[in-house]
C-alpha cells in the first residue's frame, strides 16, 4: 500500500497557468487539453446524475474564456450520451476565445437567448485567473444560480472565486468542483472553501513531469495511505503495549476538556490513560469514564508526572488548564523536563514559550495568532514557525492545515460545520496523543488523527444533524470512523 501522505499538489492558479504555457511551448495542444478535459468533465456529470437519480438534463453556463470552451465540449459529449443539454453564453460568440468560439459553433444543443436553469448546472463562466468582483450579466447569472435549488458542478473553480487568495465577494456555490490538473490554493483559503463543495480531479492530459515541476503551496492528504498507519494489533499484547497516555489537563471549574480529551484517547486505542489534575477537583471529575485513572498533583510538585512519564509513550498537555499564573510557571518547568512524544493544545499554547522538538501543537486560529505574535495568520508564517521550532503545527479549521518542518503542508479537507462547537479540539488532542502512544510518529499521527476526527464529525452529523452535534458525539462516532480504514 502507498504510505506517502501527499496526494494531489495544491498550487496557485498563476502557477497552473505557467506550467500549462510551458507544456504548450514544447508541443502540447491547448485544444487537445480542452477535448480531454471536456470528456472527463462529461464523465463526472454523467456519474453525478446517475448517483442522484436525476433526469439527464444539463444547463451550460458559458463565459468568454476557455472554461466556456470546456463546457461546450463536455456538453457535446453529453448530448452523444443521450442528455438534453442547453447552453447560455453570457457574451456574444465573437467576444469569446477562439477555442470557445470553435466548440460553441460545433455545439449541437440549444443556445438559450434568455437564461433558463434546468437539471444539473455546469459552471464555465469564469476561470481560475479571475480577480476582483463580478459585474453585469455574470453577476445576475450567479445570483440566479445561487437562488435556485439545482445542483451545480463548477469547471476548475466556482465562478467568482479568486484561485490564489480564495476571495469571493459573490461567487457560485458549487456542489462539486471539477478541478483541472491540480487543486488551487484559493479552494482552501479565504472564502473559497465555502464555495467549492466536493472536489473531483480532472486529468486533462498534462504530462506528469510538469505537475512534479510545479511550485506547490501544499498537498491534499493521501487518504489511501492512512490504513497502513493504523497501529498493528498483537494478540498477546498488554495495556502498556497498547499505549500509555498521561494527560496534564483540567483546572478548577473546567473539568470537561480534560474528560473529553482523555476519553477520546481511550476510544482511539490507548491501553491506559492517566489524568493528572490539580488537587481539589475530585468531585468535578467524578463523571469521568470508569476506565480513566485520575491522579491529583500539588502546585509546584511535578514529581509524580515525571515518574509516570518514564513509562508512558504519549502525553497531552493543555485542555482546560486555564491561564492562571501558577499554571504558567508549572507547565513551563514541566515541559522542559518531560522527554516523551506530546500534544500541546489550548491554554498550554499561551503558557509554554519553548516547545520540545517534535511536539505536536494543535492551535485554532486565535491561538495561532498568539504563537505568531501577529494580527493575521499567514500560512508561510505558520510554516516558518514549524521550521524554527522543529514542531508539527495542526492549524485547526475548515480545512485543517498540517505544517511540519521542511515539508510542504498537508491539507485535510474533512469534517462538518457542526464540529464548530466547544470541545471538538480537545477530542482531537486526545486522539493524537493516543496514536503517539501506540507508536505512530509525529506527522503521521497528526494526519491520521485529523482524518479520523473529521470522518467522525461527518458521521456524527449524518446521525444527528450539523445543528445538533456536540463534541462527545465525535467520540461515539470513532468506531465507525475507524471502520473506514480497518481491513475487514
Protein backbone atom coordinates (compact mmCIF):
# COMPACT_ATOMS: atom_id res chain seq x y z
CA UNK A 1 0.00 0.00 0.00
CA UNK A 2 1.13 3.55 -0.76
CA UNK A 3 2.25 5.10 2.56
CA UNK A 4 3.06 8.53 1.14
CA UNK A 5 0.97 11.15 2.90
CA UNK A 6 0.98 13.55 -0.04
CA UNK A 7 -1.71 13.23 -2.69
CA UNK A 8 -2.53 15.96 -5.22
CA UNK A 9 -0.33 19.04 -5.20
CA UNK A 10 -2.04 22.34 -4.48
CA UNK A 11 -0.85 25.36 -6.48
CA UNK A 12 -1.67 28.97 -7.09
CA UNK A 13 -3.76 29.44 -10.21
CA UNK A 14 -0.96 31.56 -11.65
CA UNK A 15 1.43 28.60 -11.28
CA UNK A 16 -1.03 26.29 -13.04
CA UNK A 17 -1.24 28.76 -15.92
CA UNK A 18 2.55 28.94 -16.09
CA UNK A 19 3.12 25.20 -16.40
CA UNK A 20 0.34 24.86 -18.97
CA UNK A 21 2.07 27.53 -21.02
CA UNK A 22 5.44 25.78 -20.65
CA UNK A 23 3.95 22.47 -21.77
CA UNK A 24 2.38 24.05 -24.85
CA UNK A 25 5.63 25.76 -25.79
CA UNK A 26 7.19 22.33 -26.24
CA UNK A 27 4.37 20.73 -28.17
CA UNK A 28 1.27 20.17 -26.05
CA UNK A 29 -2.00 21.25 -27.65
CA UNK A 30 -4.41 23.60 -25.88
CA UNK A 31 -7.24 22.12 -27.91
CA UNK A 32 -6.06 18.61 -27.04
CA UNK A 33 -6.21 19.61 -23.39
CA UNK A 34 -9.72 21.02 -23.86
CA UNK A 35 -11.03 17.91 -25.61
CA UNK A 36 -9.77 15.58 -22.89
CA UNK A 37 -10.94 17.90 -20.12
CA UNK A 38 -14.40 18.11 -21.68
CA UNK A 39 -14.68 14.35 -21.96
CA UNK A 40 -13.62 13.79 -18.34
CA UNK A 41 -15.98 16.51 -17.15
CA UNK A 42 -18.79 14.80 -19.05
CA UNK A 43 -17.88 11.54 -17.32
CA UNK A 44 -18.29 13.16 -13.91
CA UNK A 45 -21.53 14.89 -14.82
CA UNK A 46 -22.95 11.59 -16.07
CA UNK A 47 -21.88 9.81 -12.86
CA UNK A 48 -23.31 12.63 -10.73
CA UNK A 49 -26.69 12.41 -12.45
CA UNK A 50 -26.74 8.65 -12.00
CA UNK A 51 -25.81 8.91 -8.30
CA UNK A 52 -28.58 11.43 -7.69
CA UNK A 53 -31.16 9.63 -9.81
CA UNK A 54 -31.83 12.81 -11.78
CA UNK A 55 -33.09 13.41 -15.29
CA UNK A 56 -30.41 13.66 -17.97
CA UNK A 57 -30.70 17.42 -18.31
CA UNK A 58 -27.83 19.89 -18.16
CA UNK A 59 -27.56 23.67 -18.46
CA UNK A 60 -24.18 25.00 -19.53
CA UNK A 61 -23.13 28.42 -18.24
CA UNK A 62 -20.57 29.67 -20.73
CA UNK A 63 -18.20 32.59 -20.34
CA UNK A 64 -15.80 34.06 -22.85
CA UNK A 65 -12.69 32.09 -21.89
CA UNK A 66 -11.51 28.53 -22.29
CA UNK A 67 -13.60 27.43 -19.30
CA UNK A 68 -16.55 28.16 -21.57
CA UNK A 69 -14.94 26.04 -24.26
CA UNK A 70 -14.55 23.19 -21.77
CA UNK A 71 -18.26 23.49 -21.01
CA UNK A 72 -19.19 23.31 -24.69
CA UNK A 73 -17.01 20.23 -25.25
CA UNK A 74 -18.47 18.50 -22.18
CA UNK A 75 -21.96 19.38 -23.40
CA UNK A 76 -21.28 17.84 -26.81
CA UNK A 77 -20.10 14.59 -25.20
CA UNK A 78 -23.20 14.54 -23.01
CA UNK A 79 -25.53 15.04 -25.97
CA UNK A 80 -23.96 12.00 -27.61
CA UNK A 81 -24.74 10.07 -24.42
CA UNK A 82 -28.42 10.90 -24.53
CA UNK A 83 -28.51 14.08 -22.44
CA UNK A 84 -30.67 17.11 -23.13
CA UNK A 85 -28.15 19.94 -22.99
CA UNK A 86 -28.78 23.67 -23.34
CA UNK A 87 -26.23 26.47 -23.16
CA UNK A 88 -26.41 30.07 -22.02
CA UNK A 89 -23.50 32.17 -23.31
CA UNK A 90 -23.06 35.43 -21.36
CA UNK A 91 -21.19 37.16 -24.19
CA UNK A 92 -21.60 37.31 -27.95
CA UNK A 93 -19.77 34.44 -29.61
CA UNK A 94 -17.28 36.73 -31.36
CA UNK A 95 -16.15 38.08 -27.97
CA UNK A 96 -15.11 34.63 -26.76
CA UNK A 97 -11.72 32.93 -27.03
CA UNK A 98 -11.01 31.20 -30.32
CA UNK A 99 -11.38 27.72 -28.85
CA UNK A 100 -14.60 28.69 -27.09
CA UNK A 101 -15.93 30.05 -30.41
CA UNK A 102 -14.94 26.90 -32.29
CA UNK A 103 -16.61 24.47 -29.89
CA UNK A 104 -19.58 26.77 -29.39
CA UNK A 105 -20.26 26.63 -33.13
CA UNK A 106 -19.92 22.83 -33.09
CA UNK A 107 -22.26 22.51 -30.10
CA UNK A 108 -25.43 20.67 -31.17
CA UNK A 109 -27.66 21.61 -28.25
CA UNK A 110 -29.95 24.59 -27.83
CA UNK A 111 -28.40 28.02 -27.30
CA UNK A 112 -30.58 29.94 -24.87
CA UNK A 113 -31.36 33.59 -25.56
CA UNK A 114 -32.67 34.01 -22.02
CA UNK A 115 -31.33 32.05 -19.07
CA UNK A 116 -33.47 29.05 -18.12
CA UNK A 117 -31.93 26.81 -15.50
CA UNK A 118 -32.67 23.11 -15.94
CA UNK A 119 -31.27 19.92 -14.50
CA UNK A 120 -27.61 19.98 -13.48
CA UNK A 121 -25.84 23.31 -13.95
CA UNK A 122 -22.32 23.15 -15.36
CA UNK A 123 -20.48 26.34 -14.47
CA UNK A 124 -17.99 27.51 -17.10
CA UNK A 125 -18.42 31.24 -16.62
CA UNK A 126 -15.09 32.32 -15.11
CA UNK A 127 -11.73 30.62 -14.72
CA UNK A 128 -9.04 30.50 -12.07
CA UNK A 129 -7.48 33.74 -13.26
CA UNK A 130 -10.48 35.81 -12.17
CA UNK A 131 -9.78 38.63 -9.74
CA UNK A 132 -11.94 41.35 -8.27
CA UNK A 133 -15.71 41.42 -8.18
CA UNK A 134 -18.24 40.07 -10.69
CA UNK A 135 -20.29 42.64 -12.57
CA UNK A 136 -23.18 42.96 -15.03
CA UNK A 137 -24.71 39.92 -16.63
CA UNK A 138 -22.39 37.44 -14.93
CA UNK A 139 -23.41 38.87 -11.56
CA UNK A 140 -27.09 38.39 -12.44
CA UNK A 141 -26.46 34.81 -13.59
CA UNK A 142 -24.56 33.87 -10.41
CA UNK A 143 -27.28 35.35 -8.21
CA UNK A 144 -29.95 33.40 -10.09
CA UNK A 145 -27.97 30.15 -9.88
CA UNK A 146 -27.35 30.54 -6.15
CA UNK A 147 -31.03 31.22 -5.57
CA UNK A 148 -32.05 28.03 -7.39
CA UNK A 149 -32.26 24.60 -5.80
CA UNK A 150 -30.45 22.96 -8.70
CA UNK A 151 -27.12 21.16 -8.28
CA UNK A 152 -24.06 22.95 -9.64
CA UNK A 153 -20.80 21.45 -10.88
CA UNK A 154 -18.06 24.02 -11.41
CA UNK A 155 -15.38 23.59 -14.05
CA UNK A 156 -11.96 24.09 -12.43
CA UNK A 157 -13.22 26.68 -9.91
CA UNK A 158 -16.58 28.16 -8.89
CA UNK A 159 -17.03 31.35 -10.87
CA UNK A 160 -16.20 34.43 -8.80
CA UNK A 161 -13.62 32.75 -6.54
CA UNK A 162 -10.04 34.01 -6.75
CA UNK A 163 -7.84 30.98 -7.42
CA UNK A 164 -4.91 32.42 -5.48
CA UNK A 165 -6.49 34.07 -2.44
CA UNK A 166 -9.93 32.48 -2.15
CA UNK A 167 -11.54 35.93 -2.16
CA UNK A 168 -15.19 35.62 -3.19
CA UNK A 169 -17.44 38.65 -2.78
CA UNK A 170 -20.07 36.98 -4.96
CA UNK A 171 -19.42 33.51 -6.35
CA UNK A 172 -21.10 30.30 -7.40
CA UNK A 173 -21.89 27.88 -4.58
CA UNK A 174 -20.92 24.58 -6.19
CA UNK A 175 -21.97 21.11 -5.10
CA UNK A 176 -18.77 19.86 -6.70
CA UNK A 177 -15.70 21.46 -8.22
CA UNK A 178 -14.14 19.52 -11.07
CA UNK A 179 -10.64 20.94 -10.91
CA UNK A 180 -8.28 20.58 -13.85
CA UNK A 181 -4.85 19.14 -13.16
CA UNK A 182 -4.09 20.36 -9.66
CA UNK A 183 -6.20 21.83 -6.88
CA UNK A 184 -5.89 25.59 -6.48
CA UNK A 185 -4.81 27.37 -3.33
CA UNK A 186 -7.93 29.54 -3.43
CA UNK A 187 -10.06 26.48 -2.66
CA UNK A 188 -8.62 26.29 0.86
CA UNK A 189 -8.14 29.89 1.97
CA UNK A 190 -10.35 32.96 2.23
CA UNK A 191 -13.95 32.22 1.32
CA UNK A 192 -13.04 29.58 -1.26
CA UNK A 193 -13.80 26.59 0.96
CA UNK A 194 -17.40 27.79 1.38
CA UNK A 195 -17.94 27.60 -2.39
CA UNK A 196 -16.15 24.53 -3.75
CA UNK A 197 -18.30 21.68 -2.39
CA UNK A 198 -16.74 18.27 -3.01
CA UNK A 199 -13.59 18.12 -5.08
CA UNK A 200 -13.00 15.88 -8.10
CA UNK A 201 -9.74 15.85 -10.03
CA UNK A 202 -9.95 16.02 -13.82
CA UNK A 203 -6.97 14.70 -15.78
CA UNK A 204 -6.78 16.74 -18.95
CA UNK A 205 -3.67 15.08 -20.32
CA UNK A 206 -0.79 17.14 -18.96
CA UNK A 207 2.39 15.10 -18.60
CA UNK A 208 3.30 14.15 -15.05
CA UNK A 209 6.67 15.89 -15.23
CA UNK A 210 5.06 19.32 -15.39
CA UNK A 211 2.98 18.59 -12.28
CA UNK A 212 6.10 17.43 -10.46
CA UNK A 213 7.97 20.58 -11.50
CA UNK A 214 5.20 22.94 -10.38
CA UNK A 215 5.83 25.05 -7.29
CA UNK A 216 3.34 23.79 -4.73
CA UNK A 217 1.65 25.53 -1.82
CA UNK A 218 0.84 22.22 -0.15
CA UNK A 219 -0.61 18.77 -0.78
CA UNK A 220 -4.00 17.25 -0.27
CA UNK A 221 -3.83 14.36 2.18
CA UNK A 222 -3.47 10.94 0.58
CA UNK A 223 -6.32 9.16 2.37
CA UNK A 224 -5.39 5.84 0.76
CA UNK A 225 -2.18 5.77 2.80
CA UNK A 226 -3.88 6.00 6.18
CA UNK A 227 -4.89 2.37 6.69
CA UNK A 228 -1.21 1.42 6.71
CA UNK A 229 -0.62 3.88 9.57
CA UNK A 230 -3.02 2.20 11.98
CA UNK A 231 -1.09 0.68 14.89
CA UNK A 232 -0.57 -3.08 14.44
CA UNK A 233 -2.51 -5.38 16.73
CA UNK A 234 -0.79 -8.28 18.55
CA UNK A 235 -2.93 -11.00 20.07
CA UNK A 236 -0.77 -11.19 23.19
CA UNK A 237 -0.24 -7.51 23.92
CA UNK A 238 -0.92 -5.93 27.30
CA UNK A 239 -2.31 -2.50 28.14
CA UNK A 240 1.06 -0.74 28.33
CA UNK A 241 1.99 -2.11 24.91
CA UNK A 242 -1.35 -0.89 23.63
CA UNK A 243 -0.26 2.61 24.57
CA UNK A 244 0.07 4.53 27.83
CA UNK A 245 -1.00 8.19 27.72
CA UNK A 246 -0.54 10.70 30.50
CA UNK A 247 -2.61 13.87 30.43
CA UNK A 248 -1.97 17.15 32.20
CA UNK A 249 -5.34 18.80 31.85
CA UNK A 250 -8.18 20.48 33.67
CA UNK A 251 -8.37 23.12 36.39
CA UNK A 252 -11.00 24.01 38.99
CA UNK A 253 -14.20 24.91 37.20
CA UNK A 254 -13.02 23.41 33.88
CA UNK A 255 -13.14 19.62 34.10
CA UNK A 256 -14.91 18.99 30.78
CA UNK A 257 -11.97 19.49 28.42
CA UNK A 258 -9.84 17.07 30.43
CA UNK A 259 -12.57 14.41 30.43
CA UNK A 260 -13.21 14.76 26.71
CA UNK A 261 -9.55 14.53 25.73
CA UNK A 262 -8.91 11.53 27.96
CA UNK A 263 -12.00 9.65 26.80
CA UNK A 264 -11.02 10.33 23.18
CA UNK A 265 -7.55 8.92 23.90
CA UNK A 266 -9.09 5.75 25.32
CA UNK A 267 -11.51 5.38 22.43
CA UNK A 268 -8.69 5.86 19.90
CA UNK A 269 -6.97 2.77 21.25
CA UNK A 270 -4.76 3.73 24.18
CA UNK A 271 -4.49 0.85 26.65
CA UNK A 272 -4.23 3.13 29.65
CA UNK A 273 -4.80 6.85 30.23
CA UNK A 274 -3.84 8.66 33.42
CA UNK A 275 -5.11 12.18 34.05
CA UNK A 276 -3.04 14.46 36.28
CA UNK A 277 -5.15 17.30 37.64
CA UNK A 278 -4.78 19.99 40.34
CA UNK A 279 -5.82 18.90 43.81
CA UNK A 280 -9.39 19.65 44.76
CA UNK A 281 -11.11 18.63 41.51
CA UNK A 282 -12.20 15.19 42.67
CA UNK A 283 -15.93 15.94 42.68
CA UNK A 284 -15.79 17.77 39.34
CA UNK A 285 -14.09 14.80 37.72
CA UNK A 286 -16.45 12.21 39.21
CA UNK A 287 -18.37 11.80 35.91
CA UNK A 288 -15.17 10.68 34.12
CA UNK A 289 -15.07 7.38 32.30
CA UNK A 290 -14.64 4.37 34.59
CA UNK A 291 -11.51 3.44 32.64
CA UNK A 292 -9.70 6.71 33.33
CA UNK A 293 -7.07 6.79 36.09
CA UNK A 294 -7.18 10.10 37.96
CA UNK A 295 -4.17 11.34 39.91
CA UNK A 296 -4.04 14.74 41.66
CA UNK A 297 -0.91 16.87 41.87
CA UNK A 298 0.12 19.77 44.08
CA UNK A 299 1.26 23.09 42.66
CA UNK A 300 4.99 23.07 42.20
CA UNK A 301 5.30 19.30 42.55
CA UNK A 302 5.64 17.57 39.18
CA UNK A 303 7.49 14.51 40.50
CA UNK A 304 4.60 12.09 40.02
CA UNK A 305 4.04 13.29 36.44
CA UNK A 306 7.72 12.93 35.60
CA UNK A 307 7.84 9.46 37.15
CA UNK A 308 4.90 8.23 35.07
CA UNK A 309 6.41 9.98 32.06
CA UNK A 310 9.19 7.42 32.16
CA UNK A 311 6.68 4.66 31.42
CA UNK A 312 4.19 6.46 29.22
CA UNK A 313 4.55 6.63 25.45
CA UNK A 314 2.44 9.69 24.77
CA UNK A 315 1.36 12.84 26.56
CA UNK A 316 -1.26 15.56 26.16
CA UNK A 317 -1.00 18.92 27.82
CA UNK A 318 -3.37 21.86 27.91
CA UNK A 319 -7.10 21.14 27.65
CA UNK A 320 -8.88 23.11 30.37
CA UNK A 321 -5.77 24.16 32.28
CA UNK A 322 -6.74 27.83 32.31
CA UNK A 323 -4.49 30.88 32.12
CA UNK A 324 -3.56 31.35 35.77
CA UNK A 325 -0.05 32.45 36.73
CA UNK A 326 0.58 29.32 38.80
CA UNK A 327 -0.16 27.13 35.79
CA UNK A 328 2.11 29.28 33.63
CA UNK A 329 5.14 28.61 35.80
CA UNK A 330 4.23 24.98 36.43
CA UNK A 331 3.80 24.00 32.75
CA UNK A 332 6.94 25.73 31.54
CA UNK A 333 9.00 23.82 34.08
CA UNK A 334 7.24 20.53 33.44
CA UNK A 335 7.56 20.56 29.66
CA UNK A 336 11.27 21.33 29.87
CA UNK A 337 11.78 18.10 31.86
CA UNK A 338 9.42 15.69 30.07
CA UNK A 339 11.03 13.57 27.39
CA UNK A 340 8.04 11.97 25.69
CA UNK A 341 6.04 12.48 22.47
CA UNK A 342 3.46 15.11 23.31
CA UNK A 343 0.49 17.07 22.02
CA UNK A 344 0.18 20.64 23.26
CA UNK A 345 -3.18 22.36 22.98
CA UNK A 346 -5.47 25.08 24.29
CA UNK A 347 -4.25 27.26 27.15
CA UNK A 348 -0.89 25.46 27.27
CA UNK A 349 -0.11 27.22 23.98
CA UNK A 350 -0.21 30.51 25.90
CA UNK A 351 1.88 29.26 28.82
CA UNK A 352 4.71 27.45 27.06
CA UNK A 353 7.36 29.58 25.36
CA UNK A 354 9.89 26.93 24.38
CA UNK A 355 8.38 23.85 22.76
CA UNK A 356 10.08 20.44 22.81
CA UNK A 357 11.41 19.37 19.43
CA UNK A 358 8.98 17.03 17.73
CA UNK A 359 5.96 18.17 19.73
CA UNK A 360 2.59 18.45 18.00
CA UNK A 361 0.77 21.74 18.52
CA UNK A 362 -2.96 21.97 17.77
CA UNK A 363 -3.93 25.66 17.71
CA UNK A 364 -7.12 27.15 16.36
CA UNK A 365 -6.93 30.48 14.53
CA UNK A 366 -6.71 32.76 17.59
CA UNK A 367 -4.18 30.52 19.31
CA UNK A 368 -2.07 30.60 16.15
CA UNK A 369 -2.25 34.40 16.18
CA UNK A 370 -0.75 34.29 19.67
CA UNK A 371 2.00 31.89 18.64
CA UNK A 372 2.93 34.03 15.65
CA UNK A 373 2.59 37.30 17.53
CA UNK A 374 0.80 38.79 14.55
CA UNK A 375 -2.58 40.24 13.57
CA UNK A 376 -3.26 37.70 10.82
CA UNK A 377 -2.49 34.03 10.23
CA UNK A 378 -0.29 33.62 7.19
CA UNK A 379 0.49 30.10 6.05
CA UNK A 380 4.07 30.98 5.21
CA UNK A 381 4.49 32.25 8.76
CA UNK A 382 2.97 29.01 10.09
CA UNK A 383 5.49 27.01 8.08
CA UNK A 384 8.33 29.21 9.33
CA UNK A 385 7.15 28.67 12.92
CA UNK A 386 7.19 24.89 12.42
CA UNK A 387 10.64 25.06 10.83
CA UNK A 388 12.17 27.29 13.50
CA UNK A 389 10.70 25.42 16.49
CA UNK A 390 11.02 21.94 14.94
CA UNK A 391 7.42 21.10 15.78
CA UNK A 392 4.36 19.93 13.87
CA UNK A 393 1.58 22.51 13.80
CA UNK A 394 -2.03 21.48 13.18
CA UNK A 395 -3.91 24.66 12.27
CA UNK A 396 -7.46 23.57 13.05
CA UNK A 397 -10.20 24.80 10.80
CA UNK A 398 -12.06 24.12 7.60
CA UNK A 399 -9.96 22.75 6.06
CA UNK A 400 -7.20 21.84 8.51
CA UNK A 401 -3.58 22.53 7.53
CA UNK A 402 -0.70 20.48 8.94
CA UNK A 403 2.72 22.16 8.95
CA UNK A 404 5.84 20.09 9.52
CA UNK A 405 9.49 21.18 9.39
CA UNK A 406 11.00 21.45 5.91
CA UNK A 407 7.99 19.90 4.14
CA UNK A 408 5.08 21.40 2.25
CA UNK A 409 1.92 21.45 4.37
CA UNK A 410 -0.80 18.82 4.20
CA UNK A 411 -4.37 19.98 3.66
CA UNK A 412 -7.11 17.81 5.16
CA UNK A 413 -10.48 18.59 3.62
CA UNK A 414 -12.57 16.57 6.07
CA UNK A 415 -15.18 17.42 8.65
CA UNK A 416 -18.56 19.08 9.06
CA UNK A 417 -19.75 22.57 10.08
CA UNK A 418 -21.30 21.03 13.19
CA UNK A 419 -17.78 20.48 14.53
CA UNK A 420 -17.63 24.22 15.29
CA UNK A 421 -18.62 23.54 18.89
CA UNK A 422 -16.79 23.61 22.21
CA UNK A 423 -14.68 20.55 22.96
CA UNK A 424 -14.05 19.13 19.49
CA UNK A 425 -10.45 20.35 19.66
CA UNK A 426 -9.99 18.56 22.98
CA UNK A 427 -11.19 15.37 21.33
CA UNK A 428 -8.57 15.76 18.60
CA UNK A 429 -5.83 16.32 21.18
CA UNK A 430 -6.69 13.07 22.95
CA UNK A 431 -6.86 11.15 19.69
CA UNK A 432 -3.42 12.25 18.54
CA UNK A 433 -1.85 11.59 21.94
CA UNK A 434 -3.27 8.08 21.79
CA UNK A 435 -1.79 7.48 18.34
CA UNK A 436 1.60 8.73 19.53
CA UNK A 437 1.46 6.33 22.47
CA UNK A 438 0.76 3.48 20.07
CA UNK A 439 3.88 4.25 18.05
CA UNK A 440 2.56 6.38 15.21
CA UNK A 441 5.14 9.09 14.55
CA UNK A 442 4.60 12.86 14.65
CA UNK A 443 3.43 13.98 11.20
CA UNK A 444 1.78 10.65 10.53
CA UNK A 445 -0.04 10.74 13.86
CA UNK A 446 -1.19 14.27 13.09
CA UNK A 447 -2.50 13.30 9.66
CA UNK A 448 -4.21 10.11 10.84
CA UNK A 449 -5.74 11.86 13.85
CA UNK A 450 -7.06 14.81 11.85
CA UNK A 451 -8.56 12.49 9.22
CA UNK A 452 -10.32 10.26 11.78
CA UNK A 453 -11.52 13.33 13.67
CA UNK A 454 -13.02 14.80 10.50
CA UNK A 455 -14.55 11.48 9.49
CA UNK A 456 -16.12 11.12 12.94
CA UNK A 457 -17.55 14.61 12.57
CA UNK A 458 -19.12 13.73 9.24
CA UNK A 459 -20.59 10.52 10.67
CA UNK A 460 -21.97 12.33 13.72
CA UNK A 461 -23.58 14.97 11.51
CA UNK A 462 -25.34 12.27 9.48
CA UNK A 463 -26.59 10.52 12.60
CA UNK A 464 -27.80 13.75 14.16
CA UNK A 465 -27.51 16.91 12.06
CA UNK A 466 -24.91 19.63 11.76
CA UNK A 467 -27.05 21.69 14.12
CA UNK A 468 -27.36 19.07 16.87
CA UNK A 469 -23.95 17.52 17.26
CA UNK A 470 -21.67 18.15 20.24
CA UNK A 471 -18.07 17.18 20.90
CA UNK A 472 -18.85 13.91 22.69
CA UNK A 473 -20.77 12.78 19.59
CA UNK A 474 -17.43 12.60 17.79
CA UNK A 475 -16.12 10.15 20.38
CA UNK A 476 -19.21 7.98 19.92
CA UNK A 477 -18.64 8.06 16.15
CA UNK A 478 -14.99 6.98 16.35
CA UNK A 479 -15.67 3.23 15.93
CA UNK A 480 -17.45 3.91 12.64
CA UNK A 481 -14.68 6.28 11.58
CA UNK A 482 -12.08 3.59 12.24
CA UNK A 483 -14.08 1.13 10.17
CA UNK A 484 -13.43 3.26 7.10
CA UNK A 485 -9.73 2.35 7.47
CA UNK A 486 -9.73 -1.05 9.19
CA UNK A 487 -9.41 -4.02 6.86
CA UNK A 488 -12.39 -6.31 7.33
